[in-house]
Amino acid sequence: MRRACRVGREILDAAHRIVKVGVTTDEIDRVVHDVTIEAGAYPAPLHYHNFPKSVCTSVNEVVCHGIPDLRELQDGDIVNVDVSAVVDGMHADLNETFTVGNVADDKKALVKATYDSLFKAIAMCKPGAFYRDIGGVISKHVNG
């Protein structure tokens, strides 16, 4: 499992390195696919329920599981890159939201609030914790 997680992080870092104005989400998919295969892994999204790509890229208002295409990233975009790789039978599934160029303060605040919410939720995770309590911590942080 450690190897799967490490490989997943390396794949996500490779995607992050090319996120910039003018890069297409298809190009992000190509890099993710190539790095995944080079690592001896398999991109879990590829052909899952006919999903045509090796990664999900969600730009701006796309909530999740966006399909990479020829759309070029624009100055001010935010893009979530969601990587899922199968390594030695183990799944690594991680994502991160990246900023593209000069991003408005409200979008930066959104990215920070979601990042901070994740760690507040993780801090709540333990045996016996209720999902509703974890959701409550997230809601309180985002709306507070």
C-alpha atoms as a PDB file:
ATOM      1  CA  MET A   1       0.000   0.000   0.000  1.00  0.00           C
ATOM      2  CA  ARG A   2       2.850   2.405   0.748  1.00  0.00           C
ATOM      3  CA  ARG A   3       4.232   1.899  -2.755  1.00  0.00           C
ATOM      4  CA  ALA A   4       0.799   2.528  -4.278  1.00  0.00           C
ATOM      5  CA  CYS A   5       0.431   5.756  -2.312  1.00  0.00           C
ATOM      6  CA  ARG A   6       3.936   6.916  -3.207  1.00  0.00           C
ATOM      7  CA  VAL A   7       3.362   6.186  -6.906  1.00  0.00           C
ATOM      8  CA  GLY A   8       0.016   8.011  -6.780  1.00  0.00           C
ATOM      9  CA  ARG A   9       1.689  11.078  -5.301  1.00  0.00           C
ATOM     10  CA  GLU A  10       4.433  10.976  -7.946  1.00  0.00           C
ATOM     11  CA  ILE A  11       1.796  10.823 -10.690  1.00  0.00           C
ATOM     12  CA  LEU A  12      -0.099  13.770  -9.212  1.00  0.00           C
ATOM     13  CA  ASP A  13       3.129  15.762  -8.873  1.00  0.00           C
ATOM     14  CA  ALA A  14       3.944  15.081 -12.553  1.00  0.00           C
ATOM     15  CA  ALA A  15       0.514  16.426 -13.518  1.00  0.00           C
ATOM     16  CA  HIS A  16       1.020  19.503 -11.345  1.00  0.00           C
ATOM     17  CA  ARG A  17       4.320  20.301 -13.062  1.00  0.00           C
ATOM     18  CA  ILE A  18       2.575  20.875 -16.396  1.00  0.00           C
ATOM     19  CA  VAL A  19      -0.467  22.805 -15.152  1.00  0.00           C
ATOM     20  CA  LYS A  20      -0.177  26.244 -16.735  1.00  0.00           C
ATOM     21  CA  VAL A  21      -1.995  28.574 -19.083  1.00  0.00           C
ATOM     22  CA  GLY A  22      -2.487  27.017 -22.528  1.00  0.00           C
ATOM     23  CA  VAL A  23      -2.059  23.379 -21.505  1.00  0.00           C
ATOM     24  CA  THR A  24      -5.035  21.189 -22.419  1.00  0.00           C
ATOM     25  CA  THR A  25      -6.616  18.780 -20.007  1.00  0.00           C
ATOM     26  CA  ASP A  26      -5.900  16.122 -22.663  1.00  0.00           C
ATOM     27  CA  GLU A  27      -2.193  16.883 -22.209  1.00  0.00           C
ATOM     28  CA  ILE A  28      -2.566  16.398 -18.452  1.00  0.00           C
ATOM     29  CA  ASP A  29      -4.201  13.048 -19.214  1.00  0.00           C
ATOM     30  CA  ARG A  30      -1.317  12.039 -21.488  1.00  0.00           C
ATOM     31  CA  VAL A  31       1.268  12.859 -18.821  1.00  0.00           C
ATOM     32  CA  VAL A  32      -0.703  11.038 -16.127  1.00  0.00           C
ATOM     33  CA  HIS A  33      -1.119   7.999 -18.373  1.00  0.00           C
ATOM     34  CA  ASP A  34       2.572   7.879 -19.331  1.00  0.00           C
ATOM     35  CA  VAL A  35       3.864   8.347 -15.778  1.00  0.00           C
ATOM     36  CA  THR A  36       1.407   5.762 -14.470  1.00  0.00           C
ATOM     37  CA  ILE A  37       2.501   3.133 -17.001  1.00  0.00           C
ATOM     38  CA  GLU A  38       6.205   3.960 -16.485  1.00  0.00           C
ATOM     39  CA  ALA A  39       5.703   3.304 -12.762  1.00  0.00           C
ATOM     40  CA  GLY A  40       4.342  -0.160 -13.498  1.00  0.00           C
ATOM     41  CA  ALA A  41       0.841   0.877 -12.497  1.00  0.00           C
ATOM     42  CA  TYR A  42      -2.524   0.974 -14.283  1.00  0.00           C
ATOM     43  CA  PRO A  43      -4.743   4.097 -14.456  1.00  0.00           C
ATOM     44  CA  ALA A  44      -7.911   2.933 -12.689  1.00  0.00           C
ATOM     45  CA  PRO A  45     -10.323   5.379 -14.408  1.00  0.00           C
ATOM     46  CA  LEU A  46      -9.395   4.169 -17.902  1.00  0.00           C
ATOM     47  CA  HIS A  47     -12.336   2.162 -19.304  1.00  0.00           C
ATOM     48  CA  TYR A  48     -14.082   2.062 -15.912  1.00  0.00           C
ATOM     49  CA  HIS A  49     -17.758   2.122 -16.938  1.00  0.00           C
ATOM     50  CA  ASN A  50     -16.556   3.345 -20.359  1.00  0.00           C
ATOM     51  CA  PHE A  51     -14.618   6.310 -18.943  1.00  0.00           C
ATOM     52  CA  PRO A  52     -12.290   7.211 -21.835  1.00  0.00           C
ATOM     53  CA  LYS A  53      -9.325   8.737 -19.989  1.00  0.00           C
ATOM     54  CA  SER A  54      -6.656   7.937 -17.395  1.00  0.00           C
ATOM     55  CA  VAL A  55      -7.416  10.860 -15.065  1.00  0.00           C
ATOM     56  CA  CYS A  56     -10.290  13.149 -14.129  1.00  0.00           C
ATOM     57  CA  THR A  57      -9.728  16.878 -14.638  1.00  0.00           C
ATOM     58  CA  SER A  58     -12.366  19.233 -13.286  1.00  0.00           C
ATOM     59  CA  VAL A  59     -11.979  22.872 -14.274  1.00  0.00           C
ATOM     60  CA  ASN A  60     -13.679  25.692 -12.355  1.00  0.00           C
ATOM     61  CA  GLU A  61     -17.386  24.876 -11.814  1.00  0.00           C
ATOM     62  CA  VAL A  62     -17.064  21.197 -12.755  1.00  0.00           C
ATOM     63  CA  VAL A  63     -17.526  19.539  -9.379  1.00  0.00           C
ATOM     64  CA  CYS A  64     -15.773  16.229 -10.038  1.00  0.00           C
ATOM     65  CA  HIS A  65     -14.909  13.527 -12.569  1.00  0.00           C
ATOM     66  CA  GLY A  66     -14.421  15.907 -15.480  1.00  0.00           C
ATOM     67  CA  ILE A  67     -13.299  14.205 -18.689  1.00  0.00           C
ATOM     68  CA  PRO A  68     -10.076  15.599 -20.186  1.00  0.00           C
ATOM     69  CA  ASP A  69     -10.468  17.175 -23.613  1.00  0.00           C
ATOM     70  CA  LEU A  70      -8.965  19.838 -25.864  1.00  0.00           C
ATOM     71  CA  ARG A  71      -9.942  22.693 -23.527  1.00  0.00           C
ATOM     72  CA  GLU A  72      -6.922  24.860 -22.801  1.00  0.00           C
ATOM     73  CA  LEU A  73      -6.427  26.043 -19.262  1.00  0.00           C
ATOM     74  CA  GLN A  74      -6.944  29.789 -18.990  1.00  0.00           C
ATOM     75  CA  ASP A  75      -5.391  32.402 -16.742  1.00  0.00           C
ATOM     76  CA  GLY A  76      -7.434  32.407 -13.528  1.00  0.00           C
ATOM     77  CA  ASP A  77      -8.713  28.831 -13.746  1.00  0.00           C
ATOM     78  CA  ILE A  78      -8.598  26.298 -10.974  1.00  0.00           C
ATOM     79  CA  VAL A  79      -8.282  22.648 -11.966  1.00  0.00           C
ATOM     80  CA  ASN A  80      -8.741  19.572  -9.833  1.00  0.00           C
ATOM     81  CA  VAL A  81      -6.659  16.617 -10.967  1.00  0.00           C
ATOM     82  CA  ASP A  82      -7.964  13.287  -9.651  1.00  0.00           C
ATOM     83  CA  VAL A  83      -5.505  10.398  -9.969  1.00  0.00           C
ATOM     84  CA  SER A  84      -6.353   6.743  -9.345  1.00  0.00           C
ATOM     85  CA  ALA A  85      -3.639   4.165  -9.948  1.00  0.00           C
ATOM     86  CA  VAL A  86      -3.576   0.427  -9.340  1.00  0.00           C
ATOM     87  CA  VAL A  87      -0.148  -0.689  -8.106  1.00  0.00           C
ATOM     88  CA  ASP A  88       0.478  -4.313  -7.179  1.00  0.00           C
ATOM     89  CA  GLY A  89      -3.260  -4.819  -6.678  1.00  0.00           C
ATOM     90  CA  MET A  90      -3.604  -1.768  -4.409  1.00  0.00           C
ATOM     91  CA  HIS A  91      -5.463   1.400  -5.366  1.00  0.00           C
ATOM     92  CA  ALA A  92      -4.028   4.858  -4.798  1.00  0.00           C
ATOM     93  CA  ASP A  93      -6.750   7.495  -5.156  1.00  0.00           C
ATOM     94  CA  LEU A  94      -5.873  11.127  -4.585  1.00  0.00           C
ATOM     95  CA  ASN A  95      -6.569  14.547  -5.990  1.00  0.00           C
ATOM     96  CA  GLU A  96      -5.525  18.119  -5.614  1.00  0.00           C
ATOM     97  CA  THR A  97      -6.783  21.437  -6.897  1.00  0.00           C
ATOM     98  CA  PHE A  98      -4.232  23.630  -8.639  1.00  0.00           C
ATOM     99  CA  THR A  99      -4.365  27.290  -9.602  1.00  0.00           C
ATOM    100  CA  VAL A 100      -3.557  28.435 -13.137  1.00  0.00           C
ATOM    101  CA  GLY A 101      -1.811  31.777 -13.581  1.00  0.00           C
ATOM    102  CA  ASN A 102      -3.311  34.779 -11.812  1.00  0.00           C
ATOM    103  CA  VAL A 103      -6.255  33.485  -9.807  1.00  0.00           C
ATOM    104  CA  ALA A 104      -8.904  35.683  -8.191  1.00  0.00           C
ATOM    105  CA  ASP A 105      -8.884  35.910  -4.410  1.00  0.00           C
ATOM    106  CA  ASP A 106     -12.291  34.210  -4.097  1.00  0.00           C
ATOM    107  CA  LYS A 107     -11.018  31.150  -5.976  1.00  0.00           C
ATOM    108  CA  LYS A 108      -7.871  31.059  -3.839  1.00  0.00           C
ATOM    109  CA  ALA A 109     -10.087  31.230  -0.733  1.00  0.00           C
ATOM    110  CA  LEU A 110     -12.190  28.324  -2.057  1.00  0.00           C
ATOM    111  CA  VAL A 111      -9.102  26.169  -2.629  1.00  0.00           C
ATOM    112  CA  LYS A 112      -7.777  27.003   0.843  1.00  0.00           C
ATOM    113  CA  ALA A 113     -11.128  26.352   2.546  1.00  0.00           C
ATOM    114  CA  THR A 114     -11.445  22.936   0.927  1.00  0.00           C
ATOM    115  CA  TYR A 115      -7.851  22.054   1.806  1.00  0.00           C
ATOM    116  CA  ASP A 116      -8.280  23.128   5.418  1.00  0.00           C
ATOM    117  CA  SER A 117     -11.617  21.284   5.624  1.00  0.00           C
ATOM    118  CA  LEU A 118      -9.932  18.073   4.529  1.00  0.00           C
ATOM    119  CA  PHE A 119      -7.483  18.195   7.423  1.00  0.00           C
ATOM    120  CA  LYS A 120     -10.163  19.136   9.926  1.00  0.00           C
ATOM    121  CA  ALA A 121     -12.131  16.098   8.733  1.00  0.00           C
ATOM    122  CA  ILE A 122      -9.092  13.817   8.906  1.00  0.00           C
ATOM    123  CA  ALA A 123      -8.482  14.928  12.488  1.00  0.00           C
ATOM    124  CA  MET A 124     -11.985  13.644  13.344  1.00  0.00           C
ATOM    125  CA  CYS A 125     -11.433  10.188  11.867  1.00  0.00           C
ATOM    126  CA  LYS A 126     -11.162   7.439  14.458  1.00  0.00           C
ATOM    127  CA  PRO A 127     -13.032   4.277  15.372  1.00  0.00           C
ATOM    128  CA  GLY A 128     -16.615   5.116  16.271  1.00  0.00           C
ATOM    129  CA  ALA A 129     -16.650   8.524  14.566  1.00  0.00           C
ATOM    130  CA  PHE A 130     -19.909   9.303  12.769  1.00  0.00           C
ATOM    131  CA  TYR A 131     -19.930  10.624   9.215  1.00  0.00           C
ATOM    132  CA  ARG A 132     -22.408  13.290  10.314  1.00  0.00           C
ATOM    133  CA  ASP A 133     -19.876  14.609  12.840  1.00  0.00           C
ATOM    134  CA  ILE A 134     -17.172  14.770  10.211  1.00  0.00           C
ATOM    135  CA  GLY A 135     -19.576  16.583   7.884  1.00  0.00           C
ATOM    136  CA  GLY A 136     -20.477  18.937  10.718  1.00  0.00           C
ATOM    137  CA  VAL A 137     -16.830  19.933  11.197  1.00  0.00           C
ATOM    138  CA  ILE A 138     -16.517  20.620   7.477  1.00  0.00           C
ATOM    139  CA  SER A 139     -19.744  22.658   7.381  1.00  0.00           C
ATOM    140  CA  LYS A 140     -18.746  24.665  10.430  1.00  0.00           C
ATOM    141  CA  HIS A 141     -15.350  25.492   8.916  1.00  0.00           C
ATOM    142  CA  VAL A 142     -16.689  26.429   5.493  1.00  0.00           C
ATOM    143  CA  ASN A 143     -19.624  28.449   6.779  1.00  0.00           C
ATOM    144  CA  GLY A 144     -17.873  29.871   9.826  1.00  0.00           C
END
